Amino acid sequence: MSEPALAPRNAFHGVIAVWVASVVVAITLGILLPEADRVIWLLIAFGAIVLLSFAVQLAYGRAQGFTVRVASSVVGSLVVMGVVSAVFGLAALVTAV
């Protein structure tokens, strides 16, 4: 008898984890940094999130769908960080008026 194949772990959890990390990083940077420095540090943080996305997906050890999972992680993180950045930008406009 052959051993039954183990069910592979769900790789989508890694995508969600990267999105959550990008939300936490964007909000932290938005709160701690002055307005003039936010954009530069958000770009640096996005670069780190891209590297984190590769690391998380490589840790799963599955080649199938790797590109789709990494792309989902990166694009989702870009959208999430963009929305958080827009909220901080609108808040800065409202407080300046």
PDB file of N, CA and C in Angstrom:
ATOM      1  N   MET A   1       0.840  -1.184   0.000  1.00  0.00           N
ATOM      2  CA  MET A   1       0.000   0.000   0.000  1.00  0.00           C
ATOM      3  C   MET A   1       0.879   1.240   0.000  1.00  0.00           C
ATOM      4  N   SER A   2       0.408   2.195  -0.689  1.00  0.00           N
ATOM      5  CA  SER A   2       1.160   3.446  -0.722  1.00  0.00           C
ATOM      6  C   SER A   2       0.607   4.395   0.336  1.00  0.00           C
ATOM      7  N   GLU A   3       1.483   5.258   0.785  1.00  0.00           N
ATOM      8  CA  GLU A   3       1.090   6.247   1.781  1.00  0.00           C
ATOM      9  C   GLU A   3       0.230   7.313   1.119  1.00  0.00           C
ATOM     10  N   PRO A   4      -0.835   7.748   1.776  1.00  0.00           N
ATOM     11  CA  PRO A   4      -1.628   8.833   1.192  1.00  0.00           C
ATOM     12  C   PRO A   4      -0.831  10.136   1.240  1.00  0.00           C
ATOM     13  N   ALA A   5      -0.980  10.919   0.201  1.00  0.00           N
ATOM     14  CA  ALA A   5      -0.282  12.205   0.152  1.00  0.00           C
ATOM     15  C   ALA A   5      -0.880  13.150   1.183  1.00  0.00           C
ATOM     16  N   LEU A   6      -0.020  13.821   1.871  1.00  0.00           N
ATOM     17  CA  LEU A   6      -0.488  14.802   2.838  1.00  0.00           C
ATOM     18  C   LEU A   6      -1.067  16.001   2.103  1.00  0.00           C
ATOM     19  N   ALA A   7      -2.091  16.554   2.659  1.00  0.00           N
ATOM     20  CA  ALA A   7      -2.685  17.740   2.058  1.00  0.00           C
ATOM     21  C   ALA A   7      -1.723  18.910   2.230  1.00  0.00           C
ATOM     22  N   PRO A   8      -1.430  19.606   1.144  1.00  0.00           N
ATOM     23  CA  PRO A   8      -0.508  20.741   1.274  1.00  0.00           C
ATOM     24  C   PRO A   8      -1.144  21.874   2.079  1.00  0.00           C
ATOM     25  N   ARG A   9      -0.278  22.620   2.717  1.00  0.00           N
ATOM     26  CA  ARG A   9      -0.771  23.763   3.479  1.00  0.00           C
ATOM     27  C   ARG A   9      -1.371  24.784   2.529  1.00  0.00           C
ATOM     28  N   ASN A  10      -2.322  25.530   3.004  1.00  0.00           N
ATOM     29  CA  ASN A  10      -2.954  26.562   2.193  1.00  0.00           C
ATOM     30  C   ASN A  10      -2.014  27.753   2.093  1.00  0.00           C
ATOM     31  N   ALA A  11      -1.541  28.030   0.902  1.00  0.00           N
ATOM     32  CA  ALA A  11      -0.562  29.103   0.709  1.00  0.00           C
ATOM     33  C   ALA A  11      -1.208  30.479   0.756  1.00  0.00           C
ATOM     34  N   PHE A  12      -2.532  30.530   0.702  1.00  0.00           N
ATOM     35  CA  PHE A  12      -3.200  31.835   0.732  1.00  0.00           C
ATOM     36  C   PHE A  12      -3.034  32.510   2.087  1.00  0.00           C
ATOM     37  N   HIS A  13      -2.787  31.735   3.131  1.00  0.00           N
ATOM     38  CA  HIS A  13      -2.544  32.330   4.449  1.00  0.00           C
ATOM     39  C   HIS A  13      -1.305  33.218   4.428  1.00  0.00           C
ATOM     40  N   GLY A  14      -0.314  32.847   3.635  1.00  0.00           N
ATOM     41  CA  GLY A  14       0.884  33.673   3.502  1.00  0.00           C
ATOM     42  C   GLY A  14       0.590  35.006   2.845  1.00  0.00           C
ATOM     43  N   VAL A  15      -0.334  35.008   1.886  1.00  0.00           N
ATOM     44  CA  VAL A  15      -0.737  36.256   1.228  1.00  0.00           C
ATOM     45  C   VAL A  15      -1.404  37.181   2.236  1.00  0.00           C
ATOM     46  N   ILE A  16      -2.315  36.633   3.020  1.00  0.00           N
ATOM     47  CA  ILE A  16      -3.003  37.434   4.042  1.00  0.00           C
ATOM     48  C   ILE A  16      -2.017  37.952   5.084  1.00  0.00           C
ATOM     49  N   ALA A  17      -1.059  37.138   5.465  1.00  0.00           N
ATOM     50  CA  ALA A  17      -0.062  37.560   6.451  1.00  0.00           C
ATOM     51  C   ALA A  17       0.747  38.753   5.938  1.00  0.00           C
ATOM     52  N   VAL A  18       1.097  38.740   4.668  1.00  0.00           N
ATOM     53  CA  VAL A  18       1.844  39.861   4.093  1.00  0.00           C
ATOM     54  C   VAL A  18       0.968  41.106   4.049  1.00  0.00           C
ATOM     55  N   TRP A  19      -0.305  40.961   3.734  1.00  0.00           N
ATOM     56  CA  TRP A  19      -1.211  42.110   3.740  1.00  0.00           C
ATOM     57  C   TRP A  19      -1.330  42.706   5.136  1.00  0.00           C
ATOM     58  N   VAL A  20      -1.450  41.851   6.131  1.00  0.00           N
ATOM     59  CA  VAL A  20      -1.554  42.335   7.520  1.00  0.00           C
ATOM     60  C   VAL A  20      -0.271  43.054   7.924  1.00  0.00           C
ATOM     61  N   ALA A  21       0.868  42.495   7.531  1.00  0.00           N
ATOM     62  CA  ALA A  21       2.147  43.149   7.835  1.00  0.00           C
ATOM     63  C   ALA A  21       2.223  44.521   7.172  1.00  0.00           C
ATOM     64  N   SER A  22       1.716  44.637   5.948  1.00  0.00           N
ATOM     65  CA  SER A  22       1.774  45.933   5.266  1.00  0.00           C
ATOM     66  C   SER A  22       0.853  46.954   5.929  1.00  0.00           C
ATOM     67  N   VAL A  23      -0.295  46.518   6.433  1.00  0.00           N
ATOM     68  CA  VAL A  23      -1.186  47.433   7.152  1.00  0.00           C
ATOM     69  C   VAL A  23      -0.514  47.921   8.424  1.00  0.00           C
ATOM     70  N   VAL A  24       0.071  47.008   9.163  1.00  0.00           N
ATOM     71  CA  VAL A  24       0.724  47.374  10.435  1.00  0.00           C
ATOM     72  C   VAL A  24       1.876  48.337  10.178  1.00  0.00           C
ATOM     73  N   VAL A  25       2.695  48.047   9.181  1.00  0.00           N
ATOM     74  CA  VAL A  25       3.842  48.913   8.880  1.00  0.00           C
ATOM     75  C   VAL A  25       3.373  50.285   8.409  1.00  0.00           C
ATOM     76  N   ALA A  26       2.380  50.337   7.535  1.00  0.00           N
ATOM     77  CA  ALA A  26       1.906  51.627   7.010  1.00  0.00           C
ATOM     78  C   ALA A  26       1.299  52.490   8.108  1.00  0.00           C
ATOM     79  N   ILE A  27       0.505  51.893   8.971  1.00  0.00           N
ATOM     80  CA  ILE A  27      -0.102  52.672  10.061  1.00  0.00           C
ATOM     81  C   ILE A  27       0.962  53.134  11.051  1.00  0.00           C
ATOM     82  N   THR A  28       1.904  52.273  11.364  1.00  0.00           N
ATOM     83  CA  THR A  28       2.979  52.652  12.283  1.00  0.00           C
ATOM     84  C   THR A  28       3.798  53.808  11.733  1.00  0.00           C
ATOM     85  N   LEU A  29       4.168  53.720  10.451  1.00  0.00           N
ATOM     86  CA  LEU A  29       4.933  54.802   9.850  1.00  0.00           C
ATOM     87  C   LEU A  29       4.116  56.080   9.763  1.00  0.00           C
ATOM     88  N   GLY A  30       2.834  55.956   9.469  1.00  0.00           N
ATOM     89  CA  GLY A  30       1.976  57.139   9.383  1.00  0.00           C
ATOM     90  C   GLY A  30       1.818  57.850  10.707  1.00  0.00           C
ATOM     91  N   ILE A  31       1.826  57.093  11.778  1.00  0.00           N
ATOM     92  CA  ILE A  31       1.668  57.706  13.100  1.00  0.00           C
ATOM     93  C   ILE A  31       2.986  58.297  13.605  1.00  0.00           C
ATOM     94  N   LEU A  32       4.082  57.581  13.404  1.00  0.00           N
ATOM     95  CA  LEU A  32       5.350  57.975  14.013  1.00  0.00           C
ATOM     96  C   LEU A  32       6.130  59.035  13.240  1.00  0.00           C
ATOM     97  N   LEU A  33       5.953  59.089  11.927  1.00  0.00           N
ATOM     98  CA  LEU A  33       6.791  59.982  11.114  1.00  0.00           C
ATOM     99  C   LEU A  33       6.089  61.295  10.806  1.00  0.00           C
ATOM    100  N   PRO A  34       6.872  62.363  10.635  1.00  0.00           N
ATOM    101  CA  PRO A  34       6.274  63.618  10.185  1.00  0.00           C
ATOM    102  C   PRO A  34       5.831  63.490   8.723  1.00  0.00           C
ATOM    103  N   GLU A  35       4.946  64.385   8.313  1.00  0.00           N
ATOM    104  CA  GLU A  35       4.365  64.302   6.966  1.00  0.00           C
ATOM    105  C   GLU A  35       5.415  64.334   5.863  1.00  0.00           C
ATOM    106  N   ALA A  36       6.462  65.071   6.043  1.00  0.00           N
ATOM    107  CA  ALA A  36       7.468  65.225   4.989  1.00  0.00           C
ATOM    108  C   ALA A  36       8.252  63.933   4.725  1.00  0.00           C
ATOM    109  N   ASP A  37       8.376  63.081   5.723  1.00  0.00           N
ATOM    110  CA  ASP A  37       9.185  61.867   5.589  1.00  0.00           C
ATOM    111  C   ASP A  37       8.374  60.614   5.275  1.00  0.00           C
ATOM    112  N   ARG A  38       7.054  60.703   5.300  1.00  0.00           N
ATOM    113  CA  ARG A  38       6.224  59.511   5.157  1.00  0.00           C
ATOM    114  C   ARG A  38       6.386  58.808   3.820  1.00  0.00           C
ATOM    115  N   VAL A  39       6.396  59.555   2.741  1.00  0.00           N
ATOM    116  CA  VAL A  39       6.422  58.931   1.409  1.00  0.00           C
ATOM    117  C   VAL A  39       7.707  58.140   1.207  1.00  0.00           C
ATOM    118  N   ILE A  40       8.818  58.701   1.591  1.00  0.00           N
ATOM    119  CA  ILE A  40      10.098  58.015   1.419  1.00  0.00           C
ATOM    120  C   ILE A  40      10.114  56.715   2.227  1.00  0.00           C
ATOM    121  N   TRP A  41       9.675  56.776   3.470  1.00  0.00           N
ATOM    122  CA  TRP A  41       9.708  55.585   4.312  1.00  0.00           C
ATOM    123  C   TRP A  41       8.661  54.560   3.904  1.00  0.00           C
ATOM    124  N   LEU A  42       7.530  55.018   3.350  1.00  0.00           N
ATOM    125  CA  LEU A  42       6.555  54.062   2.829  1.00  0.00           C
ATOM    126  C   LEU A  42       7.118  53.313   1.619  1.00  0.00           C
ATOM    127  N   LEU A  43       7.890  53.991   0.787  1.00  0.00           N
ATOM    128  CA  LEU A  43       8.530  53.315  -0.345  1.00  0.00           C
ATOM    129  C   LEU A  43       9.554  52.287   0.128  1.00  0.00           C
ATOM    130  N   ILE A  44      10.331  52.654   1.130  1.00  0.00           N
ATOM    131  CA  ILE A  44      11.308  51.715   1.686  1.00  0.00           C
ATOM    132  C   ILE A  44      10.588  50.522   2.326  1.00  0.00           C
ATOM    133  N   ALA A  45       9.514  50.803   3.049  1.00  0.00           N
ATOM    134  CA  ALA A  45       8.744  49.729   3.679  1.00  0.00           C
ATOM    135  C   ALA A  45       8.110  48.827   2.626  1.00  0.00           C
ATOM    136  N   PHE A  46       7.657  49.399   1.512  1.00  0.00           N
ATOM    137  CA  PHE A  46       7.072  48.570   0.452  1.00  0.00           C
ATOM    138  C   PHE A  46       8.127  47.638  -0.144  1.00  0.00           C
ATOM    139  N   GLY A  47       9.341  48.124  -0.295  1.00  0.00           N
ATOM    140  CA  GLY A  47      10.422  47.252  -0.758  1.00  0.00           C
ATOM    141  C   GLY A  47      10.665  46.098   0.196  1.00  0.00           C
ATOM    142  N   ALA A  48      10.609  46.378   1.489  1.00  0.00           N
ATOM    143  CA  ALA A  48      10.768  45.315   2.480  1.00  0.00           C
ATOM    144  C   ALA A  48       9.595  44.343   2.433  1.00  0.00           C
ATOM    145  N   ILE A  49       8.401  44.841   2.171  1.00  0.00           N
ATOM    146  CA  ILE A  49       7.221  43.983   2.067  1.00  0.00           C
ATOM    147  C   ILE A  49       7.337  43.059   0.855  1.00  0.00           C
ATOM    148  N   VAL A  50       7.898  43.554  -0.251  1.00  0.00           N
ATOM    149  CA  VAL A  50       8.108  42.707  -1.430  1.00  0.00           C
ATOM    150  C   VAL A  50       9.065  41.569  -1.087  1.00  0.00           C
ATOM    151  N   LEU A  51      10.139  41.885  -0.389  1.00  0.00           N
ATOM    152  CA  LEU A  51      11.081  40.843   0.027  1.00  0.00           C
ATOM    153  C   LEU A  51      10.423  39.862   1.002  1.00  0.00           C
ATOM    154  N   LEU A  52       9.602  40.370   1.905  1.00  0.00           N
ATOM    155  CA  LEU A  52       8.874  39.513   2.832  1.00  0.00           C
ATOM    156  C   LEU A  52       7.925  38.581   2.079  1.00  0.00           C
ATOM    157  N   SER A  53       7.302  39.103   1.048  1.00  0.00           N
ATOM    158  CA  SER A  53       6.396  38.290   0.239  1.00  0.00           C
ATOM    159  C   SER A  53       7.128  37.114  -0.397  1.00  0.00           C
ATOM    160  N   PHE A  54       8.303  37.381  -0.976  1.00  0.00           N
ATOM    161  CA  PHE A  54       9.101  36.297  -1.542  1.00  0.00           C
ATOM    162  C   PHE A  54       9.496  35.286  -0.466  1.00  0.00           C
ATOM    163  N   ALA A  55       9.923  35.777   0.685  1.00  0.00           N
ATOM    164  CA  ALA A  55      10.373  34.881   1.748  1.00  0.00           C
ATOM    165  C   ALA A  55       9.238  33.993   2.255  1.00  0.00           C
ATOM    166  N   VAL A  56       8.062  34.579   2.431  1.00  0.00           N
ATOM    167  CA  VAL A  56       6.927  33.807   2.937  1.00  0.00           C
ATOM    168  C   VAL A  56       6.523  32.736   1.932  1.00  0.00           C
ATOM    169  N   GLN A  57       6.470  33.090   0.664  1.00  0.00           N
ATOM    170  CA  GLN A  57       6.042  32.113  -0.338  1.00  0.00           C
ATOM    171  C   GLN A  57       7.110  31.043  -0.579  1.00  0.00           C
ATOM    172  N   LEU A  58       8.369  31.403  -0.458  1.00  0.00           N
ATOM    173  CA  LEU A  58       9.424  30.394  -0.575  1.00  0.00           C
ATOM    174  C   LEU A  58       9.408  29.433   0.608  1.00  0.00           C
ATOM    175  N   ALA A  59       8.990  29.927   1.760  1.00  0.00           N
ATOM    176  CA  ALA A  59       8.938  29.074   2.945  1.00  0.00           C
ATOM    177  C   ALA A  59       7.889  27.971   2.807  1.00  0.00           C
ATOM    178  N   TYR A  60       6.860  28.209   1.995  1.00  0.00           N
ATOM    179  CA  TYR A  60       5.850  27.172   1.787  1.00  0.00           C
ATOM    180  C   TYR A  60       6.398  26.004   0.986  1.00  0.00           C
ATOM    181  N   GLY A  61       7.376  26.246   0.148  1.00  0.00           N
ATOM    182  CA  GLY A  61       8.023  25.166  -0.581  1.00  0.00           C
ATOM    183  C   GLY A  61       7.193  24.568  -1.705  1.00  0.00           C
ATOM    184  N   ARG A  62       6.235  25.286  -2.203  1.00  0.00           N
ATOM    185  CA  ARG A  62       5.418  24.808  -3.316  1.00  0.00           C
ATOM    186  C   ARG A  62       5.691  25.659  -4.545  1.00  0.00           C
ATOM    187  N   ALA A  63       6.021  25.002  -5.634  1.00  0.00           N
ATOM    188  CA  ALA A  63       6.312  25.730  -6.869  1.00  0.00           C
ATOM    189  C   ALA A  63       5.033  26.100  -7.612  1.00  0.00           C
ATOM    190  N   GLN A  64       3.996  25.304  -7.451  1.00  0.00           N
ATOM    191  CA  GLN A  64       2.749  25.567  -8.153  1.00  0.00           C
ATOM    192  C   GLN A  64       2.126  26.861  -7.672  1.00  0.00           C
ATOM    193  N   GLY A  65       1.875  27.779  -8.601  1.00  0.00           N
ATOM    194  CA  GLY A  65       1.217  29.028  -8.268  1.00  0.00           C
ATOM    195  C   GLY A  65       2.082  30.037  -7.543  1.00  0.00           C
ATOM    196  N   PHE A  66       3.390  29.835  -7.550  1.00  0.00           N
ATOM    197  CA  PHE A  66       4.289  30.740  -6.817  1.00  0.00           C
ATOM    198  C   PHE A  66       4.158  32.175  -7.325  1.00  0.00           C
ATOM    199  N   THR A  67       4.169  32.325  -8.630  1.00  0.00           N
ATOM    200  CA  THR A  67       4.112  33.668  -9.220  1.00  0.00           C
ATOM    201  C   THR A  67       2.796  34.352  -8.887  1.00  0.00           C
ATOM    202  N   VAL A  68       1.721  33.616  -8.942  1.00  0.00           N
ATOM    203  CA  VAL A  68       0.407  34.189  -8.633  1.00  0.00           C
ATOM    204  C   VAL A  68       0.329  34.604  -7.169  1.00  0.00           C
ATOM    205  N   ARG A  69       0.855  33.776  -6.288  1.00  0.00           N
ATOM    206  CA  ARG A  69       0.825  34.103  -4.855  1.00  0.00           C
ATOM    207  C   ARG A  69       1.684  35.315  -4.538  1.00  0.00           C
ATOM    208  N   VAL A  70       2.862  35.388  -5.124  1.00  0.00           N
ATOM    209  CA  VAL A  70       3.737  36.548  -4.876  1.00  0.00           C
ATOM    210  C   VAL A  70       3.101  37.810  -5.452  1.00  0.00           C
ATOM    211  N   ALA A  71       2.547  37.695  -6.652  1.00  0.00           N
ATOM    212  CA  ALA A  71       1.894  38.855  -7.268  1.00  0.00           C
ATOM    213  C   ALA A  71       0.702  39.311  -6.436  1.00  0.00           C
ATOM    214  N   SER A  72      -0.068  38.372  -5.917  1.00  0.00           N
ATOM    215  CA  SER A  72      -1.207  38.722  -5.062  1.00  0.00           C
ATOM    216  C   SER A  72      -0.743  39.431  -3.796  1.00  0.00           C
ATOM    217  N   SER A  73       0.323  38.930  -3.216  1.00  0.00           N
ATOM    218  CA  SER A  73       0.857  39.553  -2.009  1.00  0.00           C
ATOM    219  C   SER A  73       1.330  40.972  -2.278  1.00  0.00           C
ATOM    220  N   VAL A  74       2.073  41.140  -3.365  1.00  0.00           N
ATOM    221  CA  VAL A  74       2.665  42.446  -3.662  1.00  0.00           C
ATOM    222  C   VAL A  74       1.594  43.456  -4.067  1.00  0.00           C
ATOM    223  N   VAL A  75       0.697  43.068  -4.964  1.00  0.00           N
ATOM    224  CA  VAL A  75      -0.339  44.005  -5.416  1.00  0.00           C
ATOM    225  C   VAL A  75      -1.291  44.343  -4.268  1.00  0.00           C
ATOM    226  N   GLY A  76      -1.675  43.354  -3.485  1.00  0.00           N
ATOM    227  CA  GLY A  76      -2.531  43.630  -2.336  1.00  0.00           C
ATOM    228  C   GLY A  76      -1.869  44.555  -1.336  1.00  0.00           C
ATOM    229  N   SER A  77      -0.583  44.354  -1.104  1.00  0.00           N
ATOM    230  CA  SER A  77       0.146  45.228  -0.179  1.00  0.00           C
ATOM    231  C   SER A  77       0.248  46.645  -0.727  1.00  0.00           C
ATOM    232  N   LEU A  78       0.436  46.752  -2.031  1.00  0.00           N
ATOM    233  CA  LEU A  78       0.489  48.081  -2.653  1.00  0.00           C
ATOM    234  C   LEU A  78      -0.837  48.809  -2.478  1.00  0.00           C
ATOM    235  N   VAL A  79      -1.937  48.111  -2.693  1.00  0.00           N
ATOM    236  CA  VAL A  79      -3.256  48.720  -2.533  1.00  0.00           C
ATOM    237  C   VAL A  79      -3.497  49.099  -1.074  1.00  0.00           C
ATOM    238  N   VAL A  80      -3.165  48.205  -0.168  1.00  0.00           N
ATOM    239  CA  VAL A  80      -3.381  48.463   1.262  1.00  0.00           C
ATOM    240  C   VAL A  80      -2.551  49.661   1.724  1.00  0.00           C
ATOM    241  N   MET A  81      -1.282  49.682   1.351  1.00  0.00           N
ATOM    242  CA  MET A  81      -0.428  50.802   1.764  1.00  0.00           C
ATOM    243  C   MET A  81      -0.872  52.100   1.099  1.00  0.00           C
ATOM    244  N   GLY A  82      -1.363  52.014  -0.121  1.00  0.00           N
ATOM    245  CA  GLY A  82      -1.880  53.204  -0.797  1.00  0.00           C
ATOM    246  C   GLY A  82      -3.114  53.766  -0.118  1.00  0.00           C
ATOM    247  N   VAL A  83      -4.016  52.883   0.301  1.00  0.00           N
ATOM    248  CA  VAL A  83      -5.223  53.334   0.997  1.00  0.00           C
ATOM    249  C   VAL A  83      -4.861  53.964   2.339  1.00  0.00           C
ATOM    250  N   VAL A  84      -3.976  53.340   3.084  1.00  0.00           N
ATOM    251  CA  VAL A  84      -3.556  53.902   4.383  1.00  0.00           C
ATOM    252  C   VAL A  84      -2.872  55.251   4.168  1.00  0.00           C
ATOM    253  N   SER A  85      -2.043  55.342   3.146  1.00  0.00           N
ATOM    254  CA  SER A  85      -1.370  56.604   2.847  1.00  0.00           C
ATOM    255  C   SER A  85      -2.375  57.687   2.446  1.00  0.00           C
ATOM    256  N   ALA A  86      -3.377  57.311   1.672  1.00  0.00           N
ATOM    257  CA  ALA A  86      -4.408  58.282   1.276  1.00  0.00           C
ATOM    258  C   ALA A  86      -5.198  58.773   2.480  1.00  0.00           C
ATOM    259  N   VAL A  87      -5.474  57.877   3.415  1.00  0.00           N
ATOM    260  CA  VAL A  87      -6.196  58.277   4.626  1.00  0.00           C
ATOM    261  C   VAL A  87      -5.363  59.264   5.441  1.00  0.00           C
ATOM    262  N   PHE A  88      -4.079  59.003   5.583  1.00  0.00           N
ATOM    263  CA  PHE A  88      -3.222  59.948   6.304  1.00  0.00           C
ATOM    264  C   PHE A  88      -3.101  61.268   5.546  1.00  0.00           C
ATOM    265  N   GLY A  89      -3.070  61.207   4.222  1.00  0.00           N
ATOM    266  CA  GLY A  89      -3.020  62.443   3.426  1.00  0.00           C
ATOM    267  C   GLY A  89      -4.281  63.271   3.585  1.00  0.00           C
ATOM    268  N   LEU A  90      -5.442  62.616   3.543  1.00  0.00           N
ATOM    269  CA  LEU A  90      -6.704  63.338   3.758  1.00  0.00           C
ATOM    270  C   LEU A  90      -6.795  63.889   5.167  1.00  0.00           C
ATOM    271  N   ALA A  91      -6.297  63.154   6.139  1.00  0.00           N
ATOM    272  CA  ALA A  91      -6.301  63.650   7.512  1.00  0.00           C
ATOM    273  C   ALA A  91      -5.417  64.886   7.641  1.00  0.00           C
ATOM    274  N   ALA A  92      -4.300  64.892   6.925  1.00  0.00           N
ATOM    275  CA  ALA A  92      -3.419  66.068   6.970  1.00  0.00           C
ATOM    276  C   ALA A  92      -4.084  67.268   6.313  1.00  0.00           C
ATOM    277  N   LEU A  93      -4.849  67.042   5.241  1.00  0.00           N
ATOM    278  CA  LEU A  93      -5.570  68.140   4.594  1.00  0.00           C
ATOM    279  C   LEU A  93      -6.664  68.686   5.489  1.00  0.00           C
ATOM    280  N   VAL A  94      -7.367  67.817   6.159  1.00  0.00           N
ATOM    281  CA  VAL A  94      -8.480  68.248   7.022  1.00  0.00           C
ATOM    282  C   VAL A  94      -7.951  69.046   8.207  1.00  0.00           C
ATOM    283  N   THR A  95      -6.836  68.605   8.779  1.00  0.00           N
ATOM    284  CA  THR A  95      -6.292  69.331   9.928  1.00  0.00           C
ATOM    285  C   THR A  95      -5.625  70.637   9.513  1.00  0.00           C
ATOM    286  N   ALA A  96      -5.209  70.740   8.243  1.00  0.00           N
ATOM    287  CA  ALA A  96      -4.572  71.980   7.784  1.00  0.00           C
ATOM    288  C   ALA A  96      -5.602  73.064   7.503  1.00  0.00           C
ATOM    289  N   VAL A  97      -6.851  72.692   7.261  1.00  0.00           N
ATOM    290  CA  VAL A  97      -7.891  73.672   6.952  1.00  0.00           C
ATOM    291  C   VAL A  97      -8.434  74.278   8.162  1.00  0.00           C
TER     292      VAL A  97
END
